[in-house]
Amino acid sequence: MKAFLKTLFGDAGTVTVVALVMIAETALTAIGQAGLGAFLIPIAVLAGVARLATR
């Protein structure tokens, strides 16, 4: 079961990156800047992937 959960969710770093990106998306939508998210969210995702790749 542990291997299944690790495959499904990844490790804590992956979950953290996904959560931070989702928080950023929610915050941008809440303040009415969803259009700005089209530029910022891909940068945030790439930064998260780069961080995970170095681990």
N, C-alpha and C. Protein backbone atom coordinates (compact mmCIF):
# COMPACT_ATOMS: atom_id res chain seq x y z
N MET A 1 0.82 -1.20 0.00
CA MET A 1 0.00 0.00 0.00
C MET A 1 0.86 1.26 0.00
N LYS A 2 1.99 1.21 0.70
CA LYS A 2 2.87 2.38 0.76
C LYS A 2 3.42 2.71 -0.63
N ALA A 3 3.78 1.70 -1.40
CA ALA A 3 4.28 1.93 -2.76
C ALA A 3 3.19 2.54 -3.64
N PHE A 4 1.96 2.10 -3.47
CA PHE A 4 0.85 2.66 -4.23
C PHE A 4 0.66 4.13 -3.92
N LEU A 5 0.67 4.50 -2.65
CA LEU A 5 0.50 5.90 -2.27
C LEU A 5 1.65 6.76 -2.75
N LYS A 6 2.88 6.23 -2.70
CA LYS A 6 4.02 6.99 -3.20
C LYS A 6 3.91 7.19 -4.71
N THR A 7 3.44 6.19 -5.42
CA THR A 7 3.26 6.32 -6.86
C THR A 7 2.15 7.31 -7.18
N LEU A 8 1.08 7.27 -6.41
CA LEU A 8 -0.07 8.13 -6.66
C LEU A 8 0.22 9.59 -6.35
N PHE A 9 0.85 9.86 -5.22
CA PHE A 9 1.04 11.23 -4.76
C PHE A 9 2.48 11.73 -4.89
N GLY A 10 3.46 10.86 -4.96
CA GLY A 10 4.85 11.28 -4.98
C GLY A 10 5.34 11.49 -3.57
N ASP A 11 6.46 12.15 -3.45
CA ASP A 11 6.99 12.40 -2.11
C ASP A 11 6.50 13.75 -1.59
N ALA A 12 6.96 14.12 -0.42
CA ALA A 12 6.50 15.37 0.21
C ALA A 12 6.88 16.60 -0.61
N GLY A 13 8.02 16.55 -1.28
CA GLY A 13 8.44 17.68 -2.11
C GLY A 13 7.49 17.94 -3.26
N THR A 14 7.07 16.86 -3.91
CA THR A 14 6.13 16.99 -5.03
C THR A 14 4.80 17.54 -4.56
N VAL A 15 4.31 17.02 -3.46
CA VAL A 15 3.04 17.50 -2.92
C VAL A 15 3.14 18.97 -2.53
N THR A 16 4.27 19.37 -1.98
CA THR A 16 4.48 20.77 -1.60
C THR A 16 4.48 21.69 -2.81
N VAL A 17 5.17 21.30 -3.86
CA VAL A 17 5.21 22.13 -5.07
C VAL A 17 3.81 22.27 -5.66
N VAL A 18 3.08 21.18 -5.75
CA VAL A 18 1.72 21.24 -6.29
C VAL A 18 0.83 22.12 -5.42
N ALA A 19 0.96 21.98 -4.11
CA ALA A 19 0.14 22.80 -3.20
C ALA A 19 0.47 24.29 -3.34
N LEU A 20 1.74 24.63 -3.47
CA LEU A 20 2.13 26.04 -3.62
C LEU A 20 1.61 26.63 -4.93
N VAL A 21 1.67 25.85 -5.99
CA VAL A 21 1.14 26.33 -7.27
C VAL A 21 -0.37 26.53 -7.18
N MET A 22 -1.06 25.61 -6.53
CA MET A 22 -2.51 25.75 -6.38
C MET A 22 -2.88 26.95 -5.51
N ILE A 23 -2.10 27.20 -4.47
CA ILE A 23 -2.33 28.37 -3.63
C ILE A 23 -2.13 29.65 -4.43
N ALA A 24 -1.09 29.68 -5.26
CA ALA A 24 -0.85 30.85 -6.10
C ALA A 24 -1.99 31.07 -7.08
N GLU A 25 -2.49 29.99 -7.68
CA GLU A 25 -3.62 30.10 -8.60
C GLU A 25 -4.86 30.63 -7.90
N THR A 26 -5.12 30.10 -6.72
CA THR A 26 -6.29 30.54 -5.96
C THR A 26 -6.17 32.01 -5.55
N ALA A 27 -4.98 32.40 -5.12
CA ALA A 27 -4.77 33.79 -4.71
C ALA A 27 -4.94 34.75 -5.88
N LEU A 28 -4.39 34.41 -7.03
CA LEU A 28 -4.54 35.28 -8.20
C LEU A 28 -6.00 35.39 -8.62
N THR A 29 -6.73 34.30 -8.54
CA THR A 29 -8.15 34.34 -8.89
C THR A 29 -8.93 35.17 -7.88
N ALA A 30 -8.60 35.02 -6.60
CA ALA A 30 -9.33 35.73 -5.55
C ALA A 30 -9.14 37.24 -5.64
N ILE A 31 -7.98 37.68 -6.09
CA ILE A 31 -7.75 39.13 -6.18
C ILE A 31 -8.11 39.69 -7.56
N GLY A 32 -8.68 38.83 -8.41
CA GLY A 32 -9.15 39.29 -9.70
C GLY A 32 -8.06 39.42 -10.75
N GLN A 33 -6.98 38.72 -10.60
CA GLN A 33 -5.87 38.79 -11.55
C GLN A 33 -5.64 37.46 -12.25
N ALA A 34 -6.71 36.80 -12.63
CA ALA A 34 -6.59 35.49 -13.27
C ALA A 34 -5.82 35.57 -14.58
N GLY A 35 -5.92 36.68 -15.29
CA GLY A 35 -5.18 36.85 -16.54
C GLY A 35 -3.68 36.86 -16.31
N LEU A 36 -3.26 37.43 -15.20
CA LEU A 36 -1.84 37.46 -14.86
C LEU A 36 -1.33 36.05 -14.59
N GLY A 37 -2.21 35.19 -14.13
CA GLY A 37 -1.84 33.81 -13.86
C GLY A 37 -1.39 33.07 -15.11
N ALA A 38 -1.86 33.50 -16.27
CA ALA A 38 -1.44 32.87 -17.53
C ALA A 38 0.06 33.04 -17.75
N PHE A 39 0.65 34.06 -17.16
CA PHE A 39 2.09 34.28 -17.29
C PHE A 39 2.87 33.77 -16.08
N LEU A 40 2.30 33.91 -14.88
CA LEU A 40 3.03 33.57 -13.66
C LEU A 40 3.00 32.08 -13.32
N ILE A 41 1.89 31.42 -13.55
CA ILE A 41 1.78 30.02 -13.15
C ILE A 41 2.73 29.10 -13.92
N PRO A 42 2.88 29.25 -15.24
CA PRO A 42 3.88 28.41 -15.92
C PRO A 42 5.30 28.62 -15.38
N ILE A 43 5.63 29.85 -15.02
CA ILE A 43 6.95 30.13 -14.44
C ILE A 43 7.08 29.43 -13.09
N ALA A 44 6.01 29.48 -12.29
CA ALA A 44 6.04 28.82 -10.99
C ALA A 44 6.16 27.30 -11.14
N VAL A 45 5.47 26.74 -12.12
CA VAL A 45 5.54 25.29 -12.35
C VAL A 45 6.96 24.90 -12.79
N LEU A 46 7.54 25.67 -13.70
CA LEU A 46 8.90 25.37 -14.15
C LEU A 46 9.90 25.50 -13.02
N ALA A 47 9.73 26.50 -12.16
CA ALA A 47 10.62 26.65 -11.00
C ALA A 47 10.47 25.46 -10.06
N GLY A 48 9.26 25.01 -9.86
CA GLY A 48 9.03 23.84 -9.00
C GLY A 48 9.64 22.59 -9.56
N VAL A 49 9.51 22.40 -10.86
CA VAL A 49 10.10 21.23 -11.51
C VAL A 49 11.62 21.29 -11.44
N ALA A 50 12.18 22.47 -11.64
CA ALA A 50 13.63 22.63 -11.56
C ALA A 50 14.12 22.30 -10.15
N ARG A 51 13.37 22.73 -9.16
CA ARG A 51 13.74 22.45 -7.77
C ARG A 51 13.68 20.95 -7.49
N LEU A 52 12.63 20.30 -7.97
CA LEU A 52 12.50 18.86 -7.76
C LEU A 52 13.56 18.08 -8.52
N ALA A 53 13.99 18.58 -9.68
CA ALA A 53 14.98 17.87 -10.48
C ALA A 53 16.36 17.86 -9.83
N THR A 54 16.63 18.81 -8.96
CA THR A 54 17.95 18.88 -8.33
C THR A 54 18.04 17.99 -7.09
N ARG A 55 16.95 17.41 -6.70
CA ARG A 55 16.94 16.58 -5.48
C ARG A 55 17.30 15.17 -5.77
